[in-house]
N, C-alpha and C. Protein backbone atom coordinates (compact mmCIF):
# COMPACT_ATOMS: atom_id res chain seq x y z
N MET A 1 0.83 -1.17 0.00
CA MET A 1 0.00 0.00 0.00
C MET A 1 0.89 1.24 0.00
N LYS A 2 0.56 2.18 -0.87
CA LYS A 2 1.36 3.40 -0.97
C LYS A 2 1.13 4.29 0.25
N LYS A 3 2.21 4.91 0.71
CA LYS A 3 2.13 5.77 1.88
C LYS A 3 1.21 6.96 1.63
N GLU A 4 1.25 7.52 0.41
CA GLU A 4 0.41 8.68 0.12
C GLU A 4 -1.07 8.33 0.21
N CYS A 5 -1.44 7.09 -0.13
CA CYS A 5 -2.84 6.68 -0.03
C CYS A 5 -3.27 6.52 1.42
N GLN A 6 -2.36 6.06 2.27
CA GLN A 6 -2.67 5.87 3.68
C GLN A 6 -2.93 7.21 4.36
N GLU A 7 -2.23 8.23 3.94
CA GLU A 7 -2.32 9.53 4.59
C GLU A 7 -3.56 10.31 4.20
N ARG A 8 -4.13 10.05 3.04
CA ARG A 8 -5.31 10.78 2.60
C ARG A 8 -6.55 10.24 3.30
N GLY A 9 -7.42 11.13 3.72
CA GLY A 9 -8.63 10.70 4.41
C GLY A 9 -9.63 10.02 3.50
N ASN A 10 -9.69 10.40 2.21
CA ASN A 10 -10.66 9.86 1.28
C ASN A 10 -10.11 8.69 0.47
N ALA A 11 -8.93 8.24 0.78
CA ALA A 11 -8.29 7.19 -0.02
C ALA A 11 -8.80 5.80 0.31
N LYS A 12 -9.51 5.65 1.41
CA LYS A 12 -9.97 4.32 1.81
C LYS A 12 -10.81 3.66 0.73
N LYS A 13 -11.69 4.42 0.10
CA LYS A 13 -12.56 3.88 -0.95
C LYS A 13 -11.74 3.33 -2.12
N ARG A 14 -10.67 4.02 -2.49
CA ARG A 14 -9.85 3.59 -3.62
C ARG A 14 -9.08 2.31 -3.32
N LEU A 15 -8.86 2.02 -2.06
CA LEU A 15 -8.09 0.84 -1.68
C LEU A 15 -8.96 -0.40 -1.54
N LEU A 16 -10.27 -0.23 -1.54
CA LEU A 16 -11.18 -1.36 -1.36
C LEU A 16 -11.23 -2.25 -2.59
N LYS A 17 -11.59 -3.48 -2.37
CA LYS A 17 -11.85 -4.43 -3.45
C LYS A 17 -13.35 -4.72 -3.41
N CYS A 18 -13.86 -5.27 -4.50
CA CYS A 18 -15.26 -5.69 -4.55
C CYS A 18 -15.51 -6.61 -3.35
N GLN A 19 -16.66 -6.45 -2.70
CA GLN A 19 -16.96 -7.22 -1.50
C GLN A 19 -17.51 -8.62 -1.80
N ALA A 20 -17.66 -8.99 -3.08
CA ALA A 20 -18.08 -10.35 -3.42
C ALA A 20 -16.93 -11.31 -3.11
N PRO A 21 -17.22 -12.45 -2.51
CA PRO A 21 -16.16 -13.40 -2.15
C PRO A 21 -15.31 -13.80 -3.36
N GLY A 22 -14.00 -13.68 -3.22
CA GLY A 22 -13.06 -14.10 -4.26
C GLY A 22 -12.86 -13.12 -5.40
N CYS A 23 -13.50 -11.98 -5.38
CA CYS A 23 -13.36 -11.00 -6.46
C CYS A 23 -12.32 -9.96 -6.09
N ASN A 24 -11.39 -9.69 -7.00
CA ASN A 24 -10.33 -8.71 -6.76
C ASN A 24 -10.51 -7.41 -7.54
N CYS A 25 -11.65 -7.26 -8.20
CA CYS A 25 -11.92 -6.04 -8.96
C CYS A 25 -12.19 -4.86 -8.03
N GLY A 26 -12.02 -3.67 -8.55
CA GLY A 26 -12.33 -2.47 -7.78
C GLY A 26 -13.81 -2.18 -7.80
N PRO A 27 -14.33 -1.54 -6.75
CA PRO A 27 -15.75 -1.20 -6.71
C PRO A 27 -16.08 -0.11 -7.72
N LYS A 28 -17.34 -0.05 -8.14
CA LYS A 28 -17.79 0.92 -9.13
C LYS A 28 -18.70 1.95 -8.47
N GLY A 29 -18.39 3.22 -8.70
CA GLY A 29 -19.20 4.29 -8.16
C GLY A 29 -19.17 4.31 -6.64
N SER A 30 -20.30 4.57 -6.02
CA SER A 30 -20.36 4.62 -4.56
C SER A 30 -20.67 3.26 -3.95
N SER A 31 -20.73 2.24 -4.78
CA SER A 31 -21.03 0.89 -4.32
C SER A 31 -19.79 0.22 -3.74
N LEU A 32 -19.98 -0.86 -3.04
CA LEU A 32 -18.87 -1.67 -2.54
C LEU A 32 -18.59 -2.85 -3.47
N PHE A 33 -19.29 -2.91 -4.62
CA PHE A 33 -19.16 -4.02 -5.55
C PHE A 33 -18.73 -3.55 -6.93
N CYS A 34 -18.09 -4.45 -7.69
CA CYS A 34 -17.73 -4.16 -9.08
C CYS A 34 -19.00 -4.28 -9.93
N VAL A 35 -18.92 -3.93 -11.20
CA VAL A 35 -20.08 -3.98 -12.09
C VAL A 35 -20.62 -5.41 -12.20
N LYS A 36 -19.74 -6.39 -12.30
CA LYS A 36 -20.15 -7.79 -12.44
C LYS A 36 -21.00 -8.25 -11.26
N HIS A 37 -20.71 -7.72 -10.08
CA HIS A 37 -21.42 -8.15 -8.88
C HIS A 37 -22.44 -7.13 -8.40
N GLY A 38 -22.92 -6.27 -9.28
CA GLY A 38 -24.03 -5.38 -8.96
C GLY A 38 -23.68 -3.94 -8.65
N GLY A 39 -22.41 -3.57 -8.74
CA GLY A 39 -22.02 -2.18 -8.48
C GLY A 39 -22.28 -1.30 -9.68
N GLY A 40 -22.26 -0.02 -9.48
CA GLY A 40 -22.46 0.93 -10.57
C GLY A 40 -23.91 1.03 -10.98
N THR A 41 -24.16 1.77 -12.05
CA THR A 41 -25.51 2.00 -12.54
C THR A 41 -25.99 0.79 -13.32
N ARG A 42 -27.23 0.39 -13.10
CA ARG A 42 -27.84 -0.75 -13.79
C ARG A 42 -28.67 -0.27 -14.97
N CYS A 43 -28.85 -1.15 -15.95
CA CYS A 43 -29.67 -0.86 -17.12
C CYS A 43 -31.09 -0.52 -16.67
N SER A 44 -31.69 0.50 -17.28
CA SER A 44 -33.01 0.97 -16.87
C SER A 44 -34.16 0.16 -17.47
N VAL A 45 -33.87 -0.79 -18.37
CA VAL A 45 -34.92 -1.61 -18.96
C VAL A 45 -35.41 -2.61 -17.91
N LEU A 46 -36.72 -2.70 -17.74
CA LEU A 46 -37.33 -3.55 -16.73
C LEU A 46 -36.87 -5.00 -16.89
N GLY A 47 -36.36 -5.58 -15.82
CA GLY A 47 -35.93 -6.98 -15.83
C GLY A 47 -34.49 -7.20 -16.26
N CYS A 48 -33.79 -6.18 -16.68
CA CYS A 48 -32.40 -6.32 -17.10
C CYS A 48 -31.50 -5.91 -15.94
N GLY A 49 -30.57 -6.75 -15.58
CA GLY A 49 -29.68 -6.46 -14.46
C GLY A 49 -28.27 -6.12 -14.86
N ARG A 50 -28.03 -5.94 -16.17
CA ARG A 50 -26.67 -5.63 -16.63
C ARG A 50 -26.26 -4.21 -16.31
N GLY A 51 -24.96 -3.96 -16.37
CA GLY A 51 -24.43 -2.63 -16.10
C GLY A 51 -24.75 -1.67 -17.24
N ALA A 52 -25.12 -0.44 -16.89
CA ALA A 52 -25.42 0.58 -17.90
C ALA A 52 -24.12 1.15 -18.46
N ILE A 53 -24.06 1.33 -19.77
CA ILE A 53 -22.90 1.90 -20.44
C ILE A 53 -23.10 3.40 -20.64
N SER A 54 -24.22 3.78 -21.23
CA SER A 54 -24.57 5.19 -21.42
C SER A 54 -26.08 5.30 -21.56
N ASN A 55 -26.60 6.48 -21.35
CA ASN A 55 -28.04 6.75 -21.43
C ASN A 55 -28.85 5.82 -20.52
N GLY A 56 -28.24 5.32 -19.45
CA GLY A 56 -28.94 4.46 -18.51
C GLY A 56 -29.25 3.08 -19.04
N ARG A 57 -28.57 2.66 -20.11
CA ARG A 57 -28.85 1.36 -20.70
C ARG A 57 -27.59 0.55 -20.97
N CYS A 58 -27.74 -0.78 -20.99
CA CYS A 58 -26.63 -1.67 -21.34
C CYS A 58 -26.50 -1.69 -22.87
N VAL A 59 -25.48 -2.33 -23.38
CA VAL A 59 -25.26 -2.39 -24.84
C VAL A 59 -26.44 -3.06 -25.54
N ALA A 60 -26.97 -4.14 -24.97
CA ALA A 60 -28.08 -4.87 -25.59
C ALA A 60 -29.34 -4.03 -25.73
N HIS A 61 -29.51 -3.04 -24.87
CA HIS A 61 -30.71 -2.20 -24.90
C HIS A 61 -30.45 -0.79 -25.39
N GLY A 62 -29.36 -0.60 -26.13
CA GLY A 62 -29.12 0.68 -26.78
C GLY A 62 -28.09 1.58 -26.13
N GLY A 63 -27.43 1.14 -25.09
CA GLY A 63 -26.39 1.95 -24.47
C GLY A 63 -25.07 1.79 -25.21
N GLY A 64 -24.21 2.75 -25.09
CA GLY A 64 -22.90 2.67 -25.74
C GLY A 64 -22.96 3.03 -27.21
N PRO A 65 -21.81 3.04 -27.88
CA PRO A 65 -21.76 3.40 -29.30
C PRO A 65 -22.46 2.36 -30.17
N ARG A 66 -23.15 2.83 -31.20
CA ARG A 66 -23.89 1.95 -32.11
C ARG A 66 -23.15 1.83 -33.44
N CYS A 67 -23.42 0.74 -34.15
CA CYS A 67 -22.83 0.49 -35.46
C CYS A 67 -23.28 1.58 -36.44
N LEU A 68 -22.35 2.05 -37.28
CA LEU A 68 -22.65 3.12 -38.24
C LEU A 68 -23.32 2.63 -39.52
N GLU A 69 -23.43 1.32 -39.69
CA GLU A 69 -24.09 0.78 -40.88
C GLU A 69 -25.56 1.21 -40.87
N VAL A 70 -26.08 1.58 -42.04
CA VAL A 70 -27.46 2.04 -42.16
C VAL A 70 -28.42 0.94 -41.70
N ARG A 71 -29.40 1.29 -40.89
CA ARG A 71 -30.43 0.40 -40.34
C ARG A 71 -29.88 -0.73 -39.47
N CYS A 72 -28.73 -0.54 -38.87
CA CYS A 72 -28.20 -1.53 -37.94
C CYS A 72 -28.20 -0.91 -36.55
N GLY A 73 -28.80 -1.58 -35.60
CA GLY A 73 -28.88 -1.06 -34.24
C GLY A 73 -27.96 -1.77 -33.27
N ASN A 74 -27.08 -2.64 -33.79
CA ASN A 74 -26.18 -3.39 -32.91
C ASN A 74 -25.12 -2.49 -32.29
N GLY A 75 -24.57 -2.94 -31.20
CA GLY A 75 -23.49 -2.21 -30.54
C GLY A 75 -22.19 -2.32 -31.32
N ALA A 76 -21.46 -1.22 -31.40
CA ALA A 76 -20.15 -1.23 -32.06
C ALA A 76 -19.15 -1.93 -31.16
N THR A 77 -18.19 -2.61 -31.75
CA THR A 77 -17.16 -3.29 -30.97
C THR A 77 -16.11 -2.29 -30.51
N ALA A 78 -15.28 -2.71 -29.57
CA ALA A 78 -14.21 -1.85 -29.07
C ALA A 78 -13.27 -1.48 -30.20
N ARG A 79 -12.81 -0.26 -30.22
CA ARG A 79 -11.88 0.26 -31.21
C ARG A 79 -12.42 0.20 -32.64
N SER A 80 -13.73 0.22 -32.81
CA SER A 80 -14.32 0.21 -34.14
C SER A 80 -15.63 0.99 -34.10
N GLU A 81 -16.08 1.43 -35.27
CA GLU A 81 -17.36 2.12 -35.36
C GLU A 81 -18.45 1.20 -35.88
N TYR A 82 -18.13 -0.09 -36.02
CA TYR A 82 -19.07 -1.07 -36.57
C TYR A 82 -19.23 -2.27 -35.65
N CYS A 83 -20.34 -2.98 -35.80
CA CYS A 83 -20.57 -4.20 -35.04
C CYS A 83 -19.79 -5.35 -35.69
N VAL A 84 -19.80 -6.51 -35.07
CA VAL A 84 -19.07 -7.67 -35.59
C VAL A 84 -19.56 -8.04 -36.99
N THR A 85 -20.88 -8.02 -37.21
CA THR A 85 -21.46 -8.38 -38.50
C THR A 85 -20.97 -7.49 -39.63
N HIS A 86 -20.76 -6.21 -39.35
CA HIS A 86 -20.37 -5.25 -40.38
C HIS A 86 -18.89 -4.91 -40.36
N GLY A 87 -18.08 -5.82 -39.87
CA GLY A 87 -16.63 -5.66 -39.98
C GLY A 87 -15.93 -5.02 -38.80
N GLY A 88 -16.57 -4.99 -37.65
CA GLY A 88 -15.95 -4.38 -36.48
C GLY A 88 -14.99 -5.27 -35.74
N ARG A 89 -14.66 -6.42 -36.31
CA ARG A 89 -13.75 -7.36 -35.67
C ARG A 89 -12.98 -8.13 -36.74
N ARG A 90 -11.78 -8.56 -36.39
CA ARG A 90 -10.98 -9.34 -37.34
C ARG A 90 -11.71 -10.63 -37.71
N ARG A 91 -11.59 -11.03 -38.96
CA ARG A 91 -12.22 -12.25 -39.45
C ARG A 91 -11.20 -13.37 -39.59
N CYS A 92 -11.68 -14.60 -39.51
CA CYS A 92 -10.84 -15.78 -39.72
C CYS A 92 -10.29 -15.74 -41.14
N LEU A 93 -9.00 -16.05 -41.29
CA LEU A 93 -8.36 -15.98 -42.61
C LEU A 93 -8.45 -17.28 -43.40
N LYS A 94 -9.05 -18.33 -42.83
CA LYS A 94 -9.21 -19.59 -43.56
C LYS A 94 -10.20 -19.38 -44.71
N ALA A 95 -9.88 -19.90 -45.87
CA ALA A 95 -10.72 -19.73 -47.06
C ALA A 95 -12.15 -20.21 -46.80
N GLY A 96 -13.12 -19.38 -47.11
CA GLY A 96 -14.53 -19.73 -46.97
C GLY A 96 -15.11 -19.57 -45.58
N CYS A 97 -14.31 -19.15 -44.61
CA CYS A 97 -14.80 -19.00 -43.24
C CYS A 97 -15.09 -17.52 -42.97
N SER A 98 -16.26 -17.24 -42.39
CA SER A 98 -16.64 -15.86 -42.10
C SER A 98 -16.74 -15.60 -40.59
N ASN A 99 -16.28 -16.55 -39.77
CA ASN A 99 -16.31 -16.37 -38.32
C ASN A 99 -15.30 -15.33 -37.88
N GLY A 100 -15.47 -14.83 -36.67
CA GLY A 100 -14.52 -13.88 -36.10
C GLY A 100 -13.27 -14.59 -35.61
N ALA A 101 -12.10 -13.96 -35.78
CA ALA A 101 -10.85 -14.51 -35.27
C ALA A 101 -10.87 -14.48 -33.75
N GLN A 102 -10.20 -15.43 -33.12
CA GLN A 102 -10.24 -15.57 -31.67
C GLN A 102 -8.86 -15.54 -31.04
N GLY A 103 -8.78 -15.01 -29.84
CA GLY A 103 -7.58 -15.13 -29.01
C GLY A 103 -6.31 -14.55 -29.57
N GLY A 104 -6.38 -13.48 -30.33
CA GLY A 104 -5.17 -12.86 -30.86
C GLY A 104 -4.57 -13.59 -32.04
N SER A 105 -5.24 -14.61 -32.55
CA SER A 105 -4.74 -15.34 -33.71
C SER A 105 -5.48 -14.86 -34.97
N ASP A 106 -5.16 -15.45 -36.10
CA ASP A 106 -5.83 -15.10 -37.35
C ASP A 106 -6.90 -16.12 -37.71
N SER A 107 -7.29 -16.96 -36.76
CA SER A 107 -8.27 -18.02 -37.02
C SER A 107 -9.39 -17.99 -36.00
N CYS A 108 -10.54 -18.55 -36.41
CA CYS A 108 -11.61 -18.77 -35.44
C CYS A 108 -11.28 -20.06 -34.68
N THR A 109 -12.11 -20.46 -33.76
CA THR A 109 -11.79 -21.65 -32.97
C THR A 109 -11.92 -22.95 -33.77
N THR A 110 -12.65 -22.94 -34.89
CA THR A 110 -12.80 -24.15 -35.68
C THR A 110 -11.48 -24.65 -36.27
N PRO A 111 -10.70 -23.81 -37.00
CA PRO A 111 -9.43 -24.32 -37.52
C PRO A 111 -8.25 -24.18 -36.56
N GLY A 112 -8.49 -23.81 -35.33
CA GLY A 112 -7.39 -23.78 -34.37
C GLY A 112 -7.03 -22.44 -33.79
N GLY A 113 -7.93 -21.46 -33.86
CA GLY A 113 -7.65 -20.16 -33.25
C GLY A 113 -7.99 -20.18 -31.77
N GLY A 114 -7.87 -19.07 -31.12
CA GLY A 114 -8.16 -18.98 -29.69
C GLY A 114 -6.92 -19.18 -28.86
N GLN A 115 -7.07 -18.99 -27.56
CA GLN A 115 -5.93 -19.14 -26.67
C GLN A 115 -5.59 -20.61 -26.49
N ARG A 116 -4.32 -20.89 -26.46
CA ARG A 116 -3.83 -22.25 -26.31
C ARG A 116 -3.50 -22.54 -24.86
N CYS A 117 -3.72 -23.75 -24.43
CA CYS A 117 -3.32 -24.14 -23.09
C CYS A 117 -1.86 -24.60 -23.11
N GLU A 118 -1.28 -24.72 -21.94
CA GLU A 118 0.10 -25.18 -21.82
C GLU A 118 0.08 -26.70 -21.68
N PRO A 119 0.71 -27.45 -22.59
CA PRO A 119 0.65 -28.91 -22.57
C PRO A 119 1.08 -29.54 -21.24
N GLU A 120 2.07 -28.95 -20.58
CA GLU A 120 2.57 -29.56 -19.35
C GLU A 120 1.63 -29.41 -18.16
N CYS A 121 0.66 -28.52 -18.24
CA CYS A 121 -0.23 -28.34 -17.08
C CYS A 121 -1.70 -28.50 -17.43
N CYS A 122 -2.01 -28.94 -18.62
CA CYS A 122 -3.41 -29.04 -19.05
C CYS A 122 -3.93 -30.46 -18.86
N SER A 123 -5.06 -30.59 -18.15
CA SER A 123 -5.65 -31.91 -17.93
C SER A 123 -6.58 -32.31 -19.07
N ALA A 124 -6.82 -31.41 -20.03
CA ALA A 124 -7.72 -31.71 -21.14
C ALA A 124 -7.03 -32.52 -22.24
N LEU A 125 -5.72 -32.54 -22.23
CA LEU A 125 -4.99 -33.28 -23.25
C LEU A 125 -4.94 -34.77 -22.93
N PRO A 126 -5.02 -35.64 -23.96
CA PRO A 126 -4.92 -37.08 -23.71
C PRO A 126 -3.52 -37.44 -23.21
N GLU A 127 -3.46 -38.41 -22.33
CA GLU A 127 -2.16 -38.80 -21.78
C GLU A 127 -1.57 -39.98 -22.49
């Protein structure tokens, strides 16, 4: 813990972790919980418990940036102005495949994209 944080009277809130058991995320807003565990502003649509992004709504209900494609109401992906359908994400480079690339690779999970496990510690591999 930094000494400067200990000396400030209002620093206690910044040093807290989410109060959900086993969660190490920081709390959101004036709550004691992170967004995943109910902290922060919730979506204003009746029955939706997701975190609000903007305008009091989650991405599924119109919060956050929208795709710029005409007549598309989907949420834009991070670092893009378009949704996944309209090119807002890298595509698999395998011929004939239109799936999104996974895990920092150039492939979807079908031809072998996605994050790889470590062979020496993975129990999913045949022995």
